[in-house]
Amino acid sequence: MASIMVLDDVIDAGVLIKRILERKGHTVSVFTDEDEAINHAASATPDLAILDIKLRKMTGVHVLDELKKRCPDIRVIMLTGYPTLETARESLRLGANEYCVKPIDKDELEGKVDDVLGL
């Protein structure tokens, strides 16, 4: 299955996503720090990044931009509890593959991960 990294400023949200996706056979690394997540992606090159838009030091859109510079082929799903058309458009323009609204729906998350990974 796939190597997936999750970046969310709330550790519990990341752990929930990890539990859901590990049950499907994926390997999941969870981060709450933007710099650690970017460095991990640059060295480990995961298949998929799941990024919350609202983070502590920078936005998920900024992290997406940095990830795409370092790992152009990485697939990305953006997460937000505050959906706006502007944020969705910007995320897709920068290379996000999909957009998911919190609270996380298990079936929706699994479906979008499968679609983005081509499973």
PDB file of N, CA and C in Angstrom:
ATOM      1  N   MET A   1       0.850  -1.189   0.000  1.00  0.00           N
ATOM      2  CA  MET A   1       0.000   0.000   0.000  1.00  0.00           C
ATOM      3  C   MET A   1       0.890   1.244   0.000  1.00  0.00           C
ATOM      4  N   ALA A   2       0.331   2.378   0.373  1.00  0.00           N
ATOM      5  CA  ALA A   2       1.028   3.650   0.197  1.00  0.00           C
ATOM      6  C   ALA A   2       1.673   4.164   1.479  1.00  0.00           C
ATOM      7  N   SER A   3       2.670   5.020   1.279  1.00  0.00           N
ATOM      8  CA  SER A   3       3.289   5.771   2.372  1.00  0.00           C
ATOM      9  C   SER A   3       2.611   7.139   2.392  1.00  0.00           C
ATOM     10  N   ILE A   4       2.032   7.481   3.548  1.00  0.00           N
ATOM     11  CA  ILE A   4       1.231   8.703   3.663  1.00  0.00           C
ATOM     12  C   ILE A   4       1.725   9.530   4.838  1.00  0.00           C
ATOM     13  N   MET A   5       1.828  10.849   4.637  1.00  0.00           N
ATOM     14  CA  MET A   5       2.124  11.747   5.761  1.00  0.00           C
ATOM     15  C   MET A   5       0.913  12.638   5.992  1.00  0.00           C
ATOM     16  N   VAL A   6       0.656  12.907   7.274  1.00  0.00           N
ATOM     17  CA  VAL A   6      -0.464  13.751   7.671  1.00  0.00           C
ATOM     18  C   VAL A   6       0.099  14.916   8.474  1.00  0.00           C
ATOM     19  N   LEU A   7      -0.298  16.127   8.112  1.00  0.00           N
ATOM     20  CA  LEU A   7       0.099  17.328   8.852  1.00  0.00           C
ATOM     21  C   LEU A   7      -1.157  18.040   9.326  1.00  0.00           C
ATOM     22  N   ASP A   8      -1.327  18.088  10.641  1.00  0.00           N
ATOM     23  CA  ASP A   8      -2.472  18.770  11.253  1.00  0.00           C
ATOM     24  C   ASP A   8      -1.994  19.379  12.554  1.00  0.00           C
ATOM     25  N   ASP A   9      -2.430  20.592  12.864  1.00  0.00           N
ATOM     26  CA  ASP A   9      -1.983  21.237  14.100  1.00  0.00           C
ATOM     27  C   ASP A   9      -2.592  20.588  15.333  1.00  0.00           C
ATOM     28  N   VAL A  10      -3.625  19.764  15.156  1.00  0.00           N
ATOM     29  CA  VAL A  10      -4.258  19.048  16.261  1.00  0.00           C
ATOM     30  C   VAL A  10      -3.845  17.575  16.163  1.00  0.00           C
ATOM     31  N   ILE A  11      -3.037  17.124  17.100  1.00  0.00           N
ATOM     32  CA  ILE A  11      -2.493  15.763  17.047  1.00  0.00           C
ATOM     33  C   ILE A  11      -3.593  14.710  16.984  1.00  0.00           C
ATOM     34  N   ASP A  12      -4.690  14.912  17.718  1.00  0.00           N
ATOM     35  CA  ASP A  12      -5.783  13.932  17.725  1.00  0.00           C
ATOM     36  C   ASP A  12      -6.388  13.743  16.338  1.00  0.00           C
ATOM     37  N   ALA A  13      -6.477  14.811  15.564  1.00  0.00           N
ATOM     38  CA  ALA A  13      -7.014  14.717  14.202  1.00  0.00           C
ATOM     39  C   ALA A  13      -6.074  13.872  13.336  1.00  0.00           C
ATOM     40  N   GLY A  14      -4.783  14.104  13.476  1.00  0.00           N
ATOM     41  CA  GLY A  14      -3.797  13.326  12.733  1.00  0.00           C
ATOM     42  C   GLY A  14      -3.819  11.856  13.108  1.00  0.00           C
ATOM     43  N   VAL A  15      -3.960  11.590  14.396  1.00  0.00           N
ATOM     44  CA  VAL A  15      -3.993  10.203  14.880  1.00  0.00           C
ATOM     45  C   VAL A  15      -5.256   9.494  14.374  1.00  0.00           C
ATOM     46  N   LEU A  16      -6.377  10.194  14.324  1.00  0.00           N
ATOM     47  CA  LEU A  16      -7.613   9.614  13.801  1.00  0.00           C
ATOM     48  C   LEU A  16      -7.426   9.206  12.333  1.00  0.00           C
ATOM     49  N   ILE A  17      -6.852  10.090  11.534  1.00  0.00           N
ATOM     50  CA  ILE A  17      -6.603   9.793  10.120  1.00  0.00           C
ATOM     51  C   ILE A  17      -5.647   8.608  10.003  1.00  0.00           C
ATOM     52  N   LYS A  18      -4.618   8.604  10.844  1.00  0.00           N
ATOM     53  CA  LYS A  18      -3.641   7.503  10.845  1.00  0.00           C
ATOM     54  C   LYS A  18      -4.348   6.168  11.104  1.00  0.00           C
ATOM     55  N   ARG A  19      -5.220   6.120  12.108  1.00  0.00           N
ATOM     56  CA  ARG A  19      -5.937   4.883  12.446  1.00  0.00           C
ATOM     57  C   ARG A  19      -6.798   4.398  11.286  1.00  0.00           C
ATOM     58  N   ILE A  20      -7.510   5.337  10.670  1.00  0.00           N
ATOM     59  CA  ILE A  20      -8.394   4.987   9.551  1.00  0.00           C
ATOM     60  C   ILE A  20      -7.581   4.393   8.401  1.00  0.00           C
ATOM     61  N   LEU A  21      -6.472   5.055   8.055  1.00  0.00           N
ATOM     62  CA  LEU A  21      -5.717   4.648   6.876  1.00  0.00           C
ATOM     63  C   LEU A  21      -4.818   3.438   7.130  1.00  0.00           C
ATOM     64  N   GLU A  22      -4.349   3.265   8.361  1.00  0.00           N
ATOM     65  CA  GLU A  22      -3.544   2.074   8.660  1.00  0.00           C
ATOM     66  C   GLU A  22      -4.396   0.808   8.599  1.00  0.00           C
ATOM     67  N   ARG A  23      -5.677   0.922   8.916  1.00  0.00           N
ATOM     68  CA  ARG A  23      -6.578  -0.226   8.790  1.00  0.00           C
ATOM     69  C   ARG A  23      -6.709  -0.666   7.333  1.00  0.00           C
ATOM     70  N   LYS A  24      -6.450   0.248   6.412  1.00  0.00           N
ATOM     71  CA  LYS A  24      -6.510  -0.063   4.979  1.00  0.00           C
ATOM     72  C   LYS A  24      -5.154  -0.553   4.459  1.00  0.00           C
ATOM     73  N   GLY A  25      -4.149  -0.642   5.362  1.00  0.00           N
ATOM     74  CA  GLY A  25      -2.854  -1.176   4.976  1.00  0.00           C
ATOM     75  C   GLY A  25      -1.788  -0.149   4.640  1.00  0.00           C
ATOM     76  N   HIS A  26      -2.105   1.128   4.783  1.00  0.00           N
ATOM     77  CA  HIS A  26      -1.139   2.184   4.481  1.00  0.00           C
ATOM     78  C   HIS A  26      -0.187   2.403   5.656  1.00  0.00           C
ATOM     79  N   THR A  27       0.996   2.941   5.366  1.00  0.00           N
ATOM     80  CA  THR A  27       1.936   3.369   6.393  1.00  0.00           C
ATOM     81  C   THR A  27       1.753   4.872   6.550  1.00  0.00           C
ATOM     82  N   VAL A  28       1.472   5.329   7.775  1.00  0.00           N
ATOM     83  CA  VAL A  28       1.123   6.733   7.989  1.00  0.00           C
ATOM     84  C   VAL A  28       2.031   7.369   9.037  1.00  0.00           C
ATOM     85  N   SER A  29       2.594   8.537   8.699  1.00  0.00           N
ATOM     86  CA  SER A  29       3.390   9.349   9.627  1.00  0.00           C
ATOM     87  C   SER A  29       2.609  10.620   9.910  1.00  0.00           C
ATOM     88  N   VAL A  30       2.491  10.976  11.196  1.00  0.00           N
ATOM     89  CA  VAL A  30       1.707  12.145  11.589  1.00  0.00           C
ATOM     90  C   VAL A  30       2.639  13.236  12.114  1.00  0.00           C
ATOM     91  N   PHE A  31       2.373  14.479  11.688  1.00  0.00           N
ATOM     92  CA  PHE A  31       3.163  15.630  12.116  1.00  0.00           C
ATOM     93  C   PHE A  31       2.240  16.759  12.554  1.00  0.00           C
ATOM     94  N   THR A  32       2.721  17.535  13.543  1.00  0.00           N
ATOM     95  CA  THR A  32       2.021  18.758  13.928  1.00  0.00           C
ATOM     96  C   THR A  32       2.879  19.984  13.610  1.00  0.00           C
ATOM     97  N   ASP A  33       4.136  19.756  13.257  1.00  0.00           N
ATOM     98  CA  ASP A  33       5.059  20.848  12.950  1.00  0.00           C
ATOM     99  C   ASP A  33       5.316  20.901  11.445  1.00  0.00           C
ATOM    100  N   GLU A  34       5.115  22.074  10.862  1.00  0.00           N
ATOM    101  CA  GLU A  34       5.250  22.235   9.421  1.00  0.00           C
ATOM    102  C   GLU A  34       6.655  21.909   8.918  1.00  0.00           C
ATOM    103  N   ASP A  35       7.680  22.421   9.592  1.00  0.00           N
ATOM    104  CA  ASP A  35       9.058  22.194   9.148  1.00  0.00           C
ATOM    105  C   ASP A  35       9.428  20.710   9.192  1.00  0.00           C
ATOM    106  N   GLU A  36       9.016  20.021  10.253  1.00  0.00           N
ATOM    107  CA  GLU A  36       9.289  18.582  10.350  1.00  0.00           C
ATOM    108  C   GLU A  36       8.608  17.823   9.215  1.00  0.00           C
ATOM    109  N   ALA A  37       7.391  18.207   8.894  1.00  0.00           N
ATOM    110  CA  ALA A  37       6.656  17.533   7.821  1.00  0.00           C
ATOM    111  C   ALA A  37       7.332  17.768   6.470  1.00  0.00           C
ATOM    112  N   ILE A  38       7.744  18.995   6.205  1.00  0.00           N
ATOM    113  CA  ILE A  38       8.413  19.317   4.938  1.00  0.00           C
ATOM    114  C   ILE A  38       9.735  18.557   4.834  1.00  0.00           C
ATOM    115  N   ASN A  39      10.506  18.525   5.912  1.00  0.00           N
ATOM    116  CA  ASN A  39      11.779  17.796   5.903  1.00  0.00           C
ATOM    117  C   ASN A  39      11.564  16.299   5.714  1.00  0.00           C
ATOM    118  N   HIS A  40      10.541  15.755   6.358  1.00  0.00           N
ATOM    119  CA  HIS A  40      10.216  14.334   6.201  1.00  0.00           C
ATOM    120  C   HIS A  40       9.889  14.035   4.735  1.00  0.00           C
ATOM    121  N   ALA A  41       9.066  14.877   4.125  1.00  0.00           N
ATOM    122  CA  ALA A  41       8.675  14.652   2.730  1.00  0.00           C
ATOM    123  C   ALA A  41       9.890  14.705   1.807  1.00  0.00           C
ATOM    124  N   ALA A  42      10.797  15.632   2.080  1.00  0.00           N
ATOM    125  CA  ALA A  42      11.984  15.776   1.234  1.00  0.00           C
ATOM    126  C   ALA A  42      12.891  14.558   1.331  1.00  0.00           C
ATOM    127  N   SER A  43      12.960  13.931   2.518  1.00  0.00           N
ATOM    128  CA  SER A  43      13.855  12.783   2.680  1.00  0.00           C
ATOM    129  C   SER A  43      13.171  11.443   2.416  1.00  0.00           C
ATOM    130  N   ALA A  44      11.904  11.311   2.767  1.00  0.00           N
ATOM    131  CA  ALA A  44      11.213  10.020   2.650  1.00  0.00           C
ATOM    132  C   ALA A  44      10.347   9.901   1.399  1.00  0.00           C
ATOM    133  N   THR A  45      10.010  11.024   0.787  1.00  0.00           N
ATOM    134  CA  THR A  45       9.154  11.092  -0.400  1.00  0.00           C
ATOM    135  C   THR A  45       7.914  10.191  -0.293  1.00  0.00           C
ATOM    136  N   PRO A  46       6.974  10.564   0.564  1.00  0.00           N
ATOM    137  CA  PRO A  46       5.746   9.767   0.680  1.00  0.00           C
ATOM    138  C   PRO A  46       4.922   9.833  -0.615  1.00  0.00           C
ATOM    139  N   ASP A  47       4.026   8.867  -0.779  1.00  0.00           N
ATOM    140  CA  ASP A  47       3.153   8.832  -1.950  1.00  0.00           C
ATOM    141  C   ASP A  47       2.064   9.901  -1.874  1.00  0.00           C
ATOM    142  N   LEU A  48       1.657  10.215  -0.635  1.00  0.00           N
ATOM    143  CA  LEU A  48       0.534  11.127  -0.434  1.00  0.00           C
ATOM    144  C   LEU A  48       0.763  11.957   0.815  1.00  0.00           C
ATOM    145  N   ALA A  49       0.409  13.246   0.732  1.00  0.00           N
ATOM    146  CA  ALA A  49       0.412  14.124   1.905  1.00  0.00           C
ATOM    147  C   ALA A  49      -1.024  14.590   2.135  1.00  0.00           C
ATOM    148  N   ILE A  50      -1.451  14.526   3.380  1.00  0.00           N
ATOM    149  CA  ILE A  50      -2.764  15.049   3.772  1.00  0.00           C
ATOM    150  C   ILE A  50      -2.478  16.241   4.674  1.00  0.00           C
ATOM    151  N   LEU A  51      -2.853  17.432   4.197  1.00  0.00           N
ATOM    152  CA  LEU A  51      -2.475  18.677   4.875  1.00  0.00           C
ATOM    153  C   LEU A  51      -3.689  19.444   5.347  1.00  0.00           C
ATOM    154  N   ASP A  52      -3.692  19.807   6.624  1.00  0.00           N
ATOM    155  CA  ASP A  52      -4.708  20.716   7.135  1.00  0.00           C
ATOM    156  C   ASP A  52      -4.363  22.107   6.620  1.00  0.00           C
ATOM    157  N   ILE A  53      -5.360  22.897   6.316  1.00  0.00           N
ATOM    158  CA  ILE A  53      -5.091  24.247   5.810  1.00  0.00           C
ATOM    159  C   ILE A  53      -4.728  25.187   6.946  1.00  0.00           C
ATOM    160  N   LYS A  54      -5.359  25.004   8.098  1.00  0.00           N
ATOM    161  CA  LYS A  54      -5.091  25.906   9.230  1.00  0.00           C
ATOM    162  C   LYS A  54      -4.048  25.265  10.144  1.00  0.00           C
ATOM    163  N   LEU A  55      -2.839  25.825  10.115  1.00  0.00           N
ATOM    164  CA  LEU A  55      -1.728  25.303  10.912  1.00  0.00           C
ATOM    165  C   LEU A  55      -1.214  26.390  11.850  1.00  0.00           C
ATOM    166  N   ARG A  56      -0.119  26.113  12.538  1.00  0.00           N
ATOM    167  CA  ARG A  56       0.396  27.070  13.534  1.00  0.00           C
ATOM    168  C   ARG A  56       1.268  28.165  12.942  1.00  0.00           C
ATOM    169  N   LYS A  57       2.307  27.763  12.165  1.00  0.00           N
ATOM    170  CA  LYS A  57       3.285  28.738  11.688  1.00  0.00           C
ATOM    171  C   LYS A  57       3.005  29.239  10.280  1.00  0.00           C
ATOM    172  N   MET A  58       2.432  28.393   9.469  1.00  0.00           N
ATOM    173  CA  MET A  58       2.122  28.759   8.087  1.00  0.00           C
ATOM    174  C   MET A  58       0.826  28.087   7.695  1.00  0.00           C
ATOM    175  N   THR A  59       0.313  28.403   6.527  1.00  0.00           N
ATOM    176  CA  THR A  59      -0.920  27.759   6.086  1.00  0.00           C
ATOM    177  C   THR A  59      -0.593  26.445   5.384  1.00  0.00           C
ATOM    178  N   GLY A  60      -1.574  25.583   5.320  1.00  0.00           N
ATOM    179  CA  GLY A  60      -1.401  24.339   4.584  1.00  0.00           C
ATOM    180  C   GLY A  60      -1.136  24.596   3.102  1.00  0.00           C
ATOM    181  N   VAL A  61      -1.676  25.701   2.579  1.00  0.00           N
ATOM    182  CA  VAL A  61      -1.435  26.065   1.181  1.00  0.00           C
ATOM    183  C   VAL A  61       0.049  26.383   0.980  1.00  0.00           C
ATOM    184  N   HIS A  62       0.665  27.064   1.952  1.00  0.00           N
ATOM    185  CA  HIS A  62       2.105  27.351   1.873  1.00  0.00           C
ATOM    186  C   HIS A  62       2.915  26.047   1.950  1.00  0.00           C
ATOM    187  N   VAL A  63       2.514  25.140   2.834  1.00  0.00           N
ATOM    188  CA  VAL A  63       3.198  23.847   2.948  1.00  0.00           C
ATOM    189  C   VAL A  63       3.055  23.081   1.631  1.00  0.00           C
ATOM    190  N   LEU A  64       1.873  23.103   1.043  1.00  0.00           N
ATOM    191  CA  LEU A  64       1.647  22.460  -0.253  1.00  0.00           C
ATOM    192  C   LEU A  64       2.635  22.999  -1.294  1.00  0.00           C
ATOM    193  N   ASP A  65       2.776  24.308  -1.351  1.00  0.00           N
ATOM    194  CA  ASP A  65       3.694  24.939  -2.298  1.00  0.00           C
ATOM    195  C   ASP A  65       5.132  24.451  -2.066  1.00  0.00           C
ATOM    196  N   GLU A  66       5.557  24.408  -0.803  1.00  0.00           N
ATOM    197  CA  GLU A  66       6.915  23.935  -0.472  1.00  0.00           C
ATOM    198  C   GLU A  66       7.101  22.464  -0.835  1.00  0.00           C
ATOM    199  N   LEU A  67       6.095  21.639  -0.539  1.00  0.00           N
ATOM    200  CA  LEU A  67       6.190  20.212  -0.851  1.00  0.00           C
ATOM    201  C   LEU A  67       6.321  19.987  -2.356  1.00  0.00           C
ATOM    202  N   LYS A  68       5.545  20.721  -3.133  1.00  0.00           N
ATOM    203  CA  LYS A  68       5.569  20.547  -4.582  1.00  0.00           C
ATOM    204  C   LYS A  68       6.920  20.970  -5.172  1.00  0.00           C
ATOM    205  N   LYS A  69       7.570  21.943  -4.545  1.00  0.00           N
ATOM    206  CA  LYS A  69       8.905  22.357  -4.999  1.00  0.00           C
ATOM    207  C   LYS A  69       9.918  21.240  -4.760  1.00  0.00           C
ATOM    208  N   ARG A  70       9.802  20.561  -3.628  1.00  0.00           N
ATOM    209  CA  ARG A  70      10.766  19.524  -3.246  1.00  0.00           C
ATOM    210  C   ARG A  70      10.400  18.141  -3.787  1.00  0.00           C
ATOM    211  N   CYS A  71       9.124  17.869  -3.879  1.00  0.00           N
ATOM    212  CA  CYS A  71       8.636  16.552  -4.327  1.00  0.00           C
ATOM    213  C   CYS A  71       7.523  16.789  -5.355  1.00  0.00           C
ATOM    214  N   PRO A  72       7.875  17.129  -6.587  1.00  0.00           N
ATOM    215  CA  PRO A  72       6.859  17.509  -7.572  1.00  0.00           C
ATOM    216  C   PRO A  72       5.786  16.445  -7.831  1.00  0.00           C
ATOM    217  N   ASP A  73       6.119  15.173  -7.616  1.00  0.00           N
ATOM    218  CA  ASP A  73       5.165  14.105  -7.915  1.00  0.00           C
ATOM    219  C   ASP A  73       4.282  13.708  -6.744  1.00  0.00           C
ATOM    220  N   ILE A  74       4.487  14.329  -5.578  1.00  0.00           N
ATOM    221  CA  ILE A  74       3.687  13.959  -4.408  1.00  0.00           C
ATOM    222  C   ILE A  74       2.220  14.317  -4.655  1.00  0.00           C
ATOM    223  N   ARG A  75       1.345  13.411  -4.255  1.00  0.00           N
ATOM    224  CA  ARG A  75      -0.085  13.680  -4.341  1.00  0.00           C
ATOM    225  C   ARG A  75      -0.545  14.252  -3.003  1.00  0.00           C
ATOM    226  N   VAL A  76      -1.525  15.150  -3.058  1.00  0.00           N
ATOM    227  CA  VAL A  76      -1.916  15.899  -1.862  1.00  0.00           C
ATOM    228  C   VAL A  76      -3.431  16.007  -1.747  1.00  0.00           C
ATOM    229  N   ILE A  77      -3.902  15.775  -0.516  1.00  0.00           N
ATOM    230  CA  ILE A  77      -5.290  16.047  -0.158  1.00  0.00           C
ATOM    231  C   ILE A  77      -5.264  17.136   0.908  1.00  0.00           C
ATOM    232  N   MET A  78      -6.001  18.203   0.673  1.00  0.00           N
ATOM    233  CA  MET A  78      -6.093  19.301   1.635  1.00  0.00           C
ATOM    234  C   MET A  78      -7.308  19.060   2.543  1.00  0.00           C
ATOM    235  N   LEU A  79      -7.151  19.410   3.826  1.00  0.00           N
ATOM    236  CA  LEU A  79      -8.229  19.296   4.816  1.00  0.00           C
ATOM    237  C   LEU A  79      -8.554  20.670   5.372  1.00  0.00           C
ATOM    238  N   THR A  80      -9.817  20.924   5.606  1.00  0.00           N
ATOM    239  CA  THR A  80     -10.156  22.169   6.282  1.00  0.00           C
ATOM    240  C   THR A  80     -11.478  22.057   7.023  1.00  0.00           C
ATOM    241  N   GLY A  81     -11.534  22.748   8.134  1.00  0.00           N
ATOM    242  CA  GLY A  81     -12.777  22.898   8.870  1.00  0.00           C
ATOM    243  C   GLY A  81     -13.459  24.199   8.492  1.00  0.00           C
ATOM    244  N   TYR A  82     -12.771  25.015   7.668  1.00  0.00           N
ATOM    245  CA  TYR A  82     -13.265  26.333   7.259  1.00  0.00           C
ATOM    246  C   TYR A  82     -13.197  26.450   5.742  1.00  0.00           C
ATOM    247  N   PRO A  83     -14.067  25.716   5.028  1.00  0.00           N
ATOM    248  CA  PRO A  83     -13.952  25.696   3.571  1.00  0.00           C
ATOM    249  C   PRO A  83     -14.338  27.031   2.933  1.00  0.00           C
ATOM    250  N   THR A  84     -13.507  27.483   2.001  1.00  0.00           N
ATOM    251  CA  THR A  84     -13.841  28.641   1.184  1.00  0.00           C
ATOM    252  C   THR A  84     -13.472  28.307  -0.252  1.00  0.00           C
ATOM    253  N   LEU A  85     -14.175  28.898  -1.176  1.00  0.00           N
ATOM    254  CA  LEU A  85     -13.904  28.676  -2.593  1.00  0.00           C
ATOM    255  C   LEU A  85     -12.502  29.151  -2.947  1.00  0.00           C
ATOM    256  N   GLU A  86     -12.097  30.278  -2.368  1.00  0.00           N
ATOM    257  CA  GLU A  86     -10.772  30.844  -2.648  1.00  0.00           C
ATOM    258  C   GLU A  86      -9.655  29.877  -2.237  1.00  0.00           C
ATOM    259  N   THR A  87      -9.761  29.310  -1.048  1.00  0.00           N
ATOM    260  CA  THR A  87      -8.745  28.368  -0.561  1.00  0.00           C
ATOM    261  C   THR A  87      -8.731  27.105  -1.421  1.00  0.00           C
ATOM    262  N   ALA A  88      -9.893  26.614  -1.792  1.00  0.00           N
ATOM    263  CA  ALA A  88      -9.971  25.422  -2.639  1.00  0.00           C
ATOM    264  C   ALA A  88      -9.310  25.686  -3.985  1.00  0.00           C
ATOM    265  N   ARG A  89      -9.610  26.815  -4.590  1.00  0.00           N
ATOM    266  CA  ARG A  89      -9.015  27.155  -5.894  1.00  0.00           C
ATOM    267  C   ARG A  89      -7.502  27.277  -5.798  1.00  0.00           C
ATOM    268  N   GLU A  90      -7.027  27.955  -4.753  1.00  0.00           N
ATOM    269  CA  GLU A  90      -5.586  28.142  -4.580  1.00  0.00           C
ATOM    270  C   GLU A  90      -4.889  26.795  -4.375  1.00  0.00           C
ATOM    271  N   SER A  91      -5.483  25.928  -3.587  1.00  0.00           N
ATOM    272  CA  SER A  91      -4.911  24.597  -3.332  1.00  0.00           C
ATOM    273  C   SER A  91      -4.813  23.801  -4.631  1.00  0.00           C
ATOM    274  N   LEU A  92      -5.869  23.811  -5.407  1.00  0.00           N
ATOM    275  CA  LEU A  92      -5.869  23.065  -6.665  1.00  0.00           C
ATOM    276  C   LEU A  92      -4.886  23.676  -7.662  1.00  0.00           C
ATOM    277  N   ARG A  93      -4.782  24.993  -7.675  1.00  0.00           N
ATOM    278  CA  ARG A  93      -3.843  25.676  -8.574  1.00  0.00           C
ATOM    279  C   ARG A  93      -2.405  25.278  -8.252  1.00  0.00           C
ATOM    280  N   LEU A  94      -2.115  25.093  -6.964  1.00  0.00           N
ATOM    281  CA  LEU A  94      -0.756  24.736  -6.535  1.00  0.00           C
ATOM    282  C   LEU A  94      -0.477  23.239  -6.638  1.00  0.00           C
ATOM    283  N   GLY A  95      -1.466  22.464  -7.040  1.00  0.00           N
ATOM    284  CA  GLY A  95      -1.209  21.049  -7.281  1.00  0.00           C
ATOM    285  C   GLY A  95      -1.877  20.062  -6.349  1.00  0.00           C
ATOM    286  N   ALA A  96      -2.779  20.515  -5.481  1.00  0.00           N
ATOM    287  CA  ALA A  96      -3.508  19.553  -4.651  1.00  0.00           C
ATOM    288  C   ALA A  96      -4.397  18.698  -5.551  1.00  0.00           C
ATOM    289  N   ASN A  97      -4.544  17.441  -5.205  1.00  0.00           N
ATOM    290  CA  ASN A  97      -5.367  16.535  -6.000  1.00  0.00           C
ATOM    291  C   ASN A  97      -6.815  16.494  -5.532  1.00  0.00           C
ATOM    292  N   GLU A  98      -7.013  16.800  -4.249  1.00  0.00           N
ATOM    293  CA  GLU A  98      -8.353  16.651  -3.688  1.00  0.00           C
ATOM    294  C   GLU A  98      -8.481  17.564  -2.476  1.00  0.00           C
ATOM    295  N   TYR A  99      -9.707  17.756  -2.036  1.00  0.00           N
ATOM    296  CA  TYR A  99     -10.029  18.673  -0.957  1.00  0.00           C
ATOM    297  C   TYR A  99     -11.068  17.990  -0.085  1.00  0.00           C
ATOM    298  N   CYS A 100     -10.874  17.970   1.218  1.00  0.00           N
ATOM    299  CA  CYS A 100     -11.763  17.271   2.144  1.00  0.00           C
ATOM    300  C   CYS A 100     -12.160  18.221   3.274  1.00  0.00           C
ATOM    301  N   VAL A 101     -13.422  18.217   3.654  1.00  0.00           N
ATOM    302  CA  VAL A 101     -13.907  19.103   4.709  1.00  0.00           C
ATOM    303  C   VAL A 101     -14.023  18.338   6.024  1.00  0.00           C
ATOM    304  N   LYS A 102     -13.553  18.976   7.108  1.00  0.00           N
ATOM    305  CA  LYS A 102     -13.692  18.405   8.450  1.00  0.00           C
ATOM    306  C   LYS A 102     -15.096  18.690   8.959  1.00  0.00           C
ATOM    307  N   PRO A 103     -15.655  17.923   9.861  1.00  0.00           N
ATOM    308  CA  PRO A 103     -15.043  16.747  10.460  1.00  0.00           C
ATOM    309  C   PRO A 103     -14.893  15.628   9.435  1.00  0.00           C
ATOM    310  N   ILE A 104     -13.871  14.823   9.640  1.00  0.00           N
ATOM    311  CA  ILE A 104     -13.523  13.764   8.704  1.00  0.00           C
ATOM    312  C   ILE A 104     -14.607  12.691   8.690  1.00  0.00           C
ATOM    313  N   ASP A 105     -15.079  12.371   7.501  1.00  0.00           N
ATOM    314  CA  ASP A 105     -15.973  11.244   7.297  1.00  0.00           C
ATOM    315  C   ASP A 105     -15.098  10.074   6.833  1.00  0.00           C
ATOM    316  N   LYS A 106     -15.099   8.989   7.580  1.00  0.00           N
ATOM    317  CA  LYS A 106     -14.223   7.837   7.318  1.00  0.00           C
ATOM    318  C   LYS A 106     -14.355   7.335   5.880  1.00  0.00           C
ATOM    319  N   ASP A 107     -15.583   7.127   5.426  1.00  0.00           N
ATOM    320  CA  ASP A 107     -15.800   6.594   4.077  1.00  0.00           C
ATOM    321  C   ASP A 107     -15.338   7.581   3.005  1.00  0.00           C
ATOM    322  N   GLU A 108     -15.613   8.852   3.216  1.00  0.00           N
ATOM    323  CA  GLU A 108     -15.185   9.872   2.253  1.00  0.00           C
ATOM    324  C   GLU A 108     -13.659   9.932   2.177  1.00  0.00           C
ATOM    325  N   LEU A 109     -12.996   9.911   3.340  1.00  0.00           N
ATOM    326  CA  LEU A 109     -11.532   9.949   3.373  1.00  0.00           C
ATOM    327  C   LEU A 109     -10.950   8.742   2.651  1.00  0.00           C
ATOM    328  N   GLU A 110     -11.443   7.551   2.991  1.00  0.00           N
ATOM    329  CA  GLU A 110     -10.941   6.335   2.343  1.00  0.00           C
ATOM    330  C   GLU A 110     -11.141   6.396   0.827  1.00  0.00           C
ATOM    331  N   GLY A 111     -12.302   6.871   0.400  1.00  0.00           N
ATOM    332  CA  GLY A 111     -12.599   6.970  -1.028  1.00  0.00           C
ATOM    333  C   GLY A 111     -11.687   7.948  -1.741  1.00  0.00           C
ATOM    334  N   LYS A 112     -11.464   9.107  -1.122  1.00  0.00           N
ATOM    335  CA  LYS A 112     -10.602  10.111  -1.755  1.00  0.00           C
ATOM    336  C   LYS A 112      -9.150   9.654  -1.791  1.00  0.00           C
ATOM    337  N   VAL A 113      -8.690   9.004  -0.733  1.00  0.00           N
ATOM    338  CA  VAL A 113      -7.322   8.469  -0.723  1.00  0.00           C
ATOM    339  C   VAL A 113      -7.164   7.433  -1.833  1.00  0.00           C
ATOM    340  N   ASP A 114      -8.127   6.531  -1.946  1.00  0.00           N
ATOM    341  CA  ASP A 114      -8.074   5.512  -3.005  1.00  0.00           C
ATOM    342  C   ASP A 114      -8.062   6.174  -4.391  1.00  0.00           C
ATOM    343  N   ASP A 115      -8.922   7.168  -4.589  1.00  0.00           N
ATOM    344  CA  ASP A 115      -8.985   7.852  -5.889  1.00  0.00           C
ATOM    345  C   ASP A 115      -7.670   8.543  -6.229  1.00  0.00           C
ATOM    346  N   VAL A 116      -7.122   9.291  -5.258  1.00  0.00           N
ATOM    347  CA  VAL A 116      -5.898  10.046  -5.501  1.00  0.00           C
ATOM    348  C   VAL A 116      -4.724   9.096  -5.754  1.00  0.00           C
ATOM    349  N   LEU A 117      -4.694   7.976  -5.059  1.00  0.00           N
ATOM    350  CA  LEU A 117      -3.602   7.010  -5.237  1.00  0.00           C
ATOM    351  C   LEU A 117      -3.833   6.073  -6.419  1.00  0.00           C
ATOM    352  N   GLY A 118      -5.029   6.139  -7.003  1.00  0.00           N
ATOM    353  CA  GLY A 118      -5.335   5.282  -8.137  1.00  0.00           C
ATOM    354  C   GLY A 118      -5.537   3.828  -7.748  1.00  0.00           C
ATOM    355  N   LEU A 119      -6.086   3.594  -6.541  1.00  0.00           N
ATOM    356  CA  LEU A 119      -6.302   2.219  -6.056  1.00  0.00           C
ATOM    357  C   LEU A 119      -7.687   1.710  -6.407  1.00  0.00           C
TER     358      LEU A 119
END
